[in-house]
């Protein structure tokens, strides 16, 4: 059974940092796209970053502030967030799919999410 479990969320002041983790199990994810998405209240889920093999892609809103990484087997994928802003406040989700996409609708597997709150 495929499981994605996020952790590492919390409350942080603007300008601070957090590292989110996504623990993946239940199948081999080494050739999967692993993505981070976020959803703020009343808004649609949006793309944040993804990693496929060693290649990474970022949303413009987080480029230069967030870094996605993972071990080669993709058993754990991280999202290092720095320079956090109040507008980064959202539930952050880890997702997985076989082929490249930045659309949350295309992802097959999801975690339960972890709350990130940035105070001003």
N, C-alpha and C. Protein backbone atom coordinates (compact mmCIF):
# COMPACT_ATOMS: atom_id res chain seq x y z
N UNK A 1 0.84 -1.19 0.00
CA UNK A 1 0.00 0.00 0.00
C UNK A 1 0.88 1.25 0.00
N UNK A 2 0.63 2.14 -0.95
CA UNK A 2 1.42 3.36 -1.05
C UNK A 2 1.05 4.32 0.07
N UNK A 3 2.08 4.85 0.69
CA UNK A 3 1.87 5.86 1.73
C UNK A 3 2.85 6.99 1.56
N UNK A 4 2.35 8.20 1.66
CA UNK A 4 3.17 9.40 1.72
C UNK A 4 2.81 10.10 3.03
N UNK A 5 3.82 10.37 3.84
CA UNK A 5 3.56 10.97 5.14
C UNK A 5 4.43 12.21 5.29
N UNK A 6 3.77 13.36 5.39
CA UNK A 6 4.49 14.61 5.57
C UNK A 6 4.69 14.92 7.04
N UNK A 7 5.75 15.66 7.31
CA UNK A 7 6.01 16.13 8.66
C UNK A 7 6.87 17.38 8.58
N UNK A 8 6.98 18.08 9.70
CA UNK A 8 7.87 19.23 9.77
C UNK A 8 7.20 20.58 9.73
N UNK A 9 5.89 20.60 9.57
CA UNK A 9 5.20 21.88 9.57
C UNK A 9 5.18 22.51 10.95
N UNK A 10 4.71 23.75 11.00
CA UNK A 10 4.63 24.44 12.28
C UNK A 10 4.41 25.92 12.09
N UNK A 11 4.58 26.64 13.20
CA UNK A 11 4.41 28.09 13.22
C UNK A 11 5.79 28.73 13.25
N UNK A 12 6.01 29.69 12.35
CA UNK A 12 7.30 30.35 12.27
C UNK A 12 7.09 31.82 11.95
N UNK A 13 8.00 32.65 12.38
CA UNK A 13 7.90 34.08 12.08
C UNK A 13 8.38 34.35 10.66
N UNK A 14 7.90 35.43 10.10
CA UNK A 14 8.34 35.83 8.77
C UNK A 14 9.86 35.95 8.74
N UNK A 15 10.46 35.45 7.67
CA UNK A 15 11.90 35.43 7.55
C UNK A 15 12.55 34.15 8.06
N UNK A 16 11.77 33.35 8.75
CA UNK A 16 12.29 32.12 9.33
C UNK A 16 12.36 30.98 8.34
N UNK A 17 12.73 29.81 8.86
CA UNK A 17 12.93 28.63 8.02
C UNK A 17 12.22 27.42 8.61
N UNK A 18 11.87 26.50 7.74
CA UNK A 18 11.32 25.21 8.13
C UNK A 18 11.79 24.18 7.11
N UNK A 19 11.89 22.94 7.54
CA UNK A 19 12.16 21.85 6.61
C UNK A 19 11.04 20.83 6.71
N UNK A 20 10.37 20.61 5.60
CA UNK A 20 9.33 19.60 5.52
C UNK A 20 9.92 18.30 5.00
N UNK A 21 9.38 17.19 5.49
CA UNK A 21 9.79 15.87 5.03
C UNK A 21 8.58 15.11 4.51
N UNK A 22 8.83 14.28 3.53
CA UNK A 22 7.80 13.40 2.98
C UNK A 22 8.39 12.00 2.93
N UNK A 23 7.88 11.12 3.76
CA UNK A 23 8.35 9.73 3.80
C UNK A 23 7.44 8.90 2.89
N UNK A 24 8.06 8.25 1.90
CA UNK A 24 7.31 7.48 0.92
C UNK A 24 7.56 5.99 1.10
N UNK A 25 6.51 5.21 1.01
CA UNK A 25 6.65 3.75 1.13
C UNK A 25 5.57 3.06 0.31
N UNK A 26 5.75 1.77 0.11
CA UNK A 26 4.74 0.98 -0.57
C UNK A 26 5.04 0.65 -2.02
N UNK A 27 6.00 1.33 -2.59
CA UNK A 27 6.45 1.01 -3.94
C UNK A 27 7.79 1.69 -4.17
N UNK A 28 8.37 1.44 -5.34
CA UNK A 28 9.65 2.07 -5.68
C UNK A 28 9.38 3.42 -6.33
N UNK A 29 9.89 4.47 -5.72
CA UNK A 29 9.63 5.82 -6.21
C UNK A 29 10.83 6.44 -6.92
N UNK A 30 11.88 5.68 -7.14
CA UNK A 30 13.11 6.26 -7.69
C UNK A 30 12.89 6.93 -9.05
N UNK A 31 11.96 6.43 -9.85
CA UNK A 31 11.69 7.03 -11.17
C UNK A 31 10.40 7.85 -11.19
N UNK A 32 9.88 8.13 -10.03
CA UNK A 32 8.66 8.92 -9.94
C UNK A 32 8.97 10.40 -9.79
N UNK A 33 8.04 11.22 -10.21
CA UNK A 33 8.08 12.65 -9.91
C UNK A 33 7.51 12.83 -8.50
N UNK A 34 8.26 13.47 -7.65
CA UNK A 34 7.80 13.78 -6.30
C UNK A 34 7.60 15.29 -6.21
N UNK A 35 6.40 15.68 -5.87
CA UNK A 35 6.09 17.10 -5.87
C UNK A 35 5.60 17.59 -4.53
N UNK A 36 5.84 18.86 -4.27
CA UNK A 36 5.26 19.54 -3.13
C UNK A 36 4.24 20.56 -3.66
N UNK A 37 3.08 20.55 -3.04
CA UNK A 37 2.02 21.48 -3.36
C UNK A 37 1.54 22.12 -2.07
N UNK A 38 0.79 23.19 -2.19
CA UNK A 38 0.23 23.81 -1.00
C UNK A 38 -1.16 24.33 -1.30
N UNK A 39 -1.93 24.40 -0.22
CA UNK A 39 -3.31 24.88 -0.36
C UNK A 39 -3.65 25.78 0.81
N UNK A 40 -3.93 27.05 0.50
CA UNK A 40 -4.36 28.00 1.50
C UNK A 40 -5.88 27.97 1.58
N UNK A 41 -6.45 28.41 2.71
CA UNK A 41 -7.90 28.38 2.85
C UNK A 41 -8.60 29.14 1.73
N UNK A 42 -9.58 28.50 1.12
CA UNK A 42 -10.36 29.14 0.07
C UNK A 42 -9.67 29.20 -1.27
N UNK A 43 -8.48 28.60 -1.37
CA UNK A 43 -7.74 28.65 -2.63
C UNK A 43 -7.51 27.25 -3.16
N UNK A 44 -7.21 27.20 -4.45
CA UNK A 44 -6.93 25.92 -5.09
C UNK A 44 -5.52 25.46 -4.70
N UNK A 45 -5.34 24.16 -4.72
CA UNK A 45 -4.01 23.61 -4.46
C UNK A 45 -3.06 24.09 -5.56
N UNK A 46 -1.85 24.53 -5.16
CA UNK A 46 -0.91 25.05 -6.14
C UNK A 46 0.44 24.36 -6.04
N UNK A 47 1.08 24.32 -7.19
CA UNK A 47 2.40 23.72 -7.29
C UNK A 47 3.44 24.56 -6.56
N UNK A 48 4.35 23.86 -5.88
CA UNK A 48 5.45 24.53 -5.19
C UNK A 48 6.79 24.12 -5.80
N UNK A 49 7.04 22.81 -5.85
CA UNK A 49 8.32 22.31 -6.36
C UNK A 49 8.19 20.84 -6.67
N UNK A 50 9.04 20.36 -7.54
CA UNK A 50 9.09 18.92 -7.80
C UNK A 50 10.52 18.48 -8.09
N UNK A 51 10.73 17.20 -7.92
CA UNK A 51 12.02 16.60 -8.22
C UNK A 51 11.79 15.31 -9.00
N UNK A 52 12.54 15.15 -10.07
CA UNK A 52 12.51 13.92 -10.86
C UNK A 52 13.94 13.54 -11.14
N UNK A 53 14.31 12.39 -10.64
CA UNK A 53 15.71 11.98 -10.55
C UNK A 53 16.46 13.10 -9.83
N UNK A 54 17.39 13.79 -10.45
CA UNK A 54 18.10 14.87 -9.76
C UNK A 54 17.69 16.24 -10.28
N UNK A 55 16.68 16.27 -11.13
CA UNK A 55 16.24 17.54 -11.71
C UNK A 55 15.13 18.15 -10.87
N UNK A 56 15.17 19.45 -10.71
CA UNK A 56 14.18 20.15 -9.88
C UNK A 56 13.51 21.28 -10.65
N UNK A 57 12.28 21.55 -10.27
CA UNK A 57 11.49 22.63 -10.86
C UNK A 57 10.79 23.35 -9.72
N UNK A 58 10.72 24.66 -9.80
CA UNK A 58 10.11 25.46 -8.74
C UNK A 58 9.07 26.43 -9.30
N UNK A 59 8.07 26.71 -8.50
CA UNK A 59 7.15 27.79 -8.81
C UNK A 59 7.91 29.11 -8.67
N UNK A 60 7.54 30.09 -9.47
CA UNK A 60 8.23 31.38 -9.41
C UNK A 60 8.15 32.01 -8.02
N UNK A 61 7.05 31.76 -7.33
CA UNK A 61 6.82 32.39 -6.04
C UNK A 61 7.78 31.90 -4.96
N UNK A 62 8.41 30.75 -5.17
CA UNK A 62 9.30 30.21 -4.14
C UNK A 62 10.74 30.08 -4.62
N UNK A 63 10.97 30.37 -5.89
CA UNK A 63 12.31 30.21 -6.45
C UNK A 63 13.32 31.06 -5.68
N UNK A 64 14.43 30.46 -5.32
CA UNK A 64 15.46 31.17 -4.57
C UNK A 64 15.26 31.11 -3.07
N UNK A 65 14.09 30.66 -2.61
CA UNK A 65 13.82 30.57 -1.17
C UNK A 65 13.63 29.13 -0.72
N UNK A 66 13.07 28.30 -1.57
CA UNK A 66 12.80 26.91 -1.23
C UNK A 66 13.73 25.99 -2.02
N UNK A 67 14.08 24.86 -1.40
CA UNK A 67 14.90 23.87 -2.07
C UNK A 67 14.30 22.49 -1.84
N UNK A 68 14.06 21.77 -2.93
CA UNK A 68 13.57 20.40 -2.83
C UNK A 68 14.73 19.44 -3.02
N UNK A 69 14.73 18.37 -2.26
CA UNK A 69 15.79 17.38 -2.38
C UNK A 69 15.24 16.03 -1.96
N UNK A 70 16.00 15.00 -2.28
CA UNK A 70 15.57 13.67 -1.88
C UNK A 70 16.71 12.68 -2.02
N UNK A 71 16.60 11.55 -1.35
CA UNK A 71 17.60 10.51 -1.54
C UNK A 71 17.34 9.85 -2.89
N UNK A 72 18.29 9.08 -3.39
CA UNK A 72 18.20 8.52 -4.75
C UNK A 72 17.00 7.60 -4.90
N UNK A 73 16.62 6.95 -3.84
CA UNK A 73 15.48 6.04 -3.90
C UNK A 73 14.16 6.76 -3.68
N UNK A 74 14.26 8.05 -3.36
CA UNK A 74 13.07 8.87 -3.09
C UNK A 74 12.25 8.29 -1.93
N UNK A 75 12.91 7.66 -0.99
CA UNK A 75 12.17 7.20 0.18
C UNK A 75 11.80 8.38 1.06
N UNK A 76 12.59 9.43 0.98
CA UNK A 76 12.28 10.66 1.70
C UNK A 76 12.58 11.85 0.80
N UNK A 77 11.63 12.76 0.72
CA UNK A 77 11.80 13.98 -0.05
C UNK A 77 11.64 15.16 0.91
N UNK A 78 12.51 16.13 0.76
CA UNK A 78 12.51 17.28 1.66
C UNK A 78 12.15 18.56 0.92
N UNK A 79 11.61 19.48 1.67
CA UNK A 79 11.41 20.83 1.17
C UNK A 79 11.97 21.78 2.21
N UNK A 80 13.14 22.33 1.92
CA UNK A 80 13.76 23.31 2.80
C UNK A 80 13.22 24.67 2.43
N UNK A 81 12.59 25.33 3.40
CA UNK A 81 11.97 26.62 3.15
C UNK A 81 12.66 27.68 3.98
N UNK A 82 13.12 28.73 3.34
CA UNK A 82 13.74 29.83 4.05
C UNK A 82 13.15 31.14 3.55
N UNK A 83 13.41 32.20 4.27
CA UNK A 83 12.82 33.48 3.89
C UNK A 83 11.32 33.42 3.82
N UNK A 84 10.71 32.72 4.78
CA UNK A 84 9.27 32.50 4.74
C UNK A 84 8.50 33.81 4.89
N UNK A 85 7.38 33.86 4.17
CA UNK A 85 6.52 35.03 4.15
C UNK A 85 5.12 34.62 4.62
N UNK A 86 4.34 35.56 5.13
CA UNK A 86 2.97 35.21 5.55
C UNK A 86 2.16 34.57 4.42
N UNK A 87 2.42 34.94 3.20
CA UNK A 87 1.69 34.36 2.06
C UNK A 87 2.09 32.91 1.77
N UNK A 88 3.10 32.41 2.46
CA UNK A 88 3.46 30.99 2.34
C UNK A 88 2.60 30.12 3.25
N UNK A 89 1.79 30.74 4.08
CA UNK A 89 0.92 30.00 4.99
C UNK A 89 -0.06 29.13 4.20
N UNK A 90 -0.06 27.83 4.50
CA UNK A 90 -0.90 26.88 3.78
C UNK A 90 -0.69 25.49 4.38
N UNK A 91 -1.53 24.56 3.94
CA UNK A 91 -1.26 23.15 4.18
C UNK A 91 -0.39 22.67 3.02
N UNK A 92 0.73 22.07 3.34
CA UNK A 92 1.66 21.58 2.34
C UNK A 92 1.49 20.08 2.16
N UNK A 93 1.36 19.67 0.89
CA UNK A 93 1.14 18.27 0.55
C UNK A 93 2.27 17.74 -0.31
N UNK A 94 2.59 16.49 -0.09
CA UNK A 94 3.52 15.77 -0.93
C UNK A 94 2.71 14.89 -1.88
N UNK A 95 3.10 14.87 -3.14
CA UNK A 95 2.41 14.06 -4.12
C UNK A 95 3.40 13.30 -5.00
N UNK A 96 2.92 12.24 -5.63
CA UNK A 96 3.78 11.44 -6.49
C UNK A 96 3.02 11.00 -7.73
N UNK A 97 3.75 10.99 -8.85
CA UNK A 97 3.20 10.46 -10.08
C UNK A 97 4.33 9.99 -10.97
N UNK A 98 3.98 9.25 -12.00
CA UNK A 98 5.01 8.61 -12.81
C UNK A 98 5.68 9.59 -13.78
N UNK A 99 4.92 10.56 -14.30
CA UNK A 99 5.48 11.45 -15.32
C UNK A 99 5.38 12.90 -14.89
N UNK A 100 6.19 13.74 -15.53
CA UNK A 100 6.30 15.15 -15.18
C UNK A 100 4.95 15.87 -15.30
N UNK A 101 4.61 16.63 -14.27
CA UNK A 101 3.47 17.52 -14.31
C UNK A 101 3.55 18.47 -13.13
N UNK A 102 3.10 19.70 -13.34
CA UNK A 102 2.99 20.65 -12.23
C UNK A 102 1.54 20.85 -11.82
N UNK A 103 0.63 20.07 -12.40
CA UNK A 103 -0.78 20.17 -12.06
C UNK A 103 -1.14 19.15 -10.99
N UNK A 104 -1.72 19.63 -9.91
CA UNK A 104 -2.07 18.71 -8.82
C UNK A 104 -3.07 17.65 -9.29
N UNK A 105 -3.86 17.97 -10.30
CA UNK A 105 -4.89 17.04 -10.77
C UNK A 105 -4.28 15.79 -11.38
N UNK A 106 -3.02 15.86 -11.77
CA UNK A 106 -2.38 14.73 -12.43
C UNK A 106 -1.73 13.76 -11.45
N UNK A 107 -1.65 14.14 -10.18
CA UNK A 107 -0.91 13.31 -9.24
C UNK A 107 -1.77 12.17 -8.70
N UNK A 108 -1.13 11.01 -8.56
CA UNK A 108 -1.83 9.79 -8.20
C UNK A 108 -1.85 9.52 -6.70
N UNK A 109 -0.80 9.91 -6.03
CA UNK A 109 -0.66 9.62 -4.61
C UNK A 109 -0.44 10.91 -3.83
N UNK A 110 -1.06 10.97 -2.65
CA UNK A 110 -0.97 12.16 -1.80
C UNK A 110 -0.77 11.78 -0.35
N UNK A 111 -0.09 12.67 0.36
CA UNK A 111 -0.04 12.56 1.80
C UNK A 111 -1.20 13.32 2.42
N UNK A 112 -1.22 13.34 3.74
CA UNK A 112 -2.33 13.97 4.47
C UNK A 112 -2.12 15.46 4.65
N UNK A 113 -0.91 15.94 4.41
CA UNK A 113 -0.62 17.36 4.53
C UNK A 113 -0.06 17.74 5.88
N UNK A 114 0.68 18.85 5.87
CA UNK A 114 1.23 19.40 7.11
C UNK A 114 1.07 20.92 7.07
N UNK A 115 0.59 21.48 8.18
CA UNK A 115 0.27 22.90 8.22
C UNK A 115 1.53 23.74 8.43
N UNK A 116 1.69 24.76 7.60
CA UNK A 116 2.75 25.75 7.78
C UNK A 116 2.07 27.10 7.98
N UNK A 117 2.39 27.76 9.08
CA UNK A 117 1.83 29.07 9.38
C UNK A 117 2.98 30.05 9.60
N UNK A 118 2.97 31.13 8.83
CA UNK A 118 4.01 32.15 8.93
C UNK A 118 3.38 33.42 9.47
N UNK A 119 3.84 33.86 10.63
CA UNK A 119 3.29 35.07 11.24
C UNK A 119 4.11 36.28 10.83
N UNK A 120 3.42 37.42 10.75
CA UNK A 120 4.11 38.64 10.32
C UNK A 120 4.68 39.41 11.50
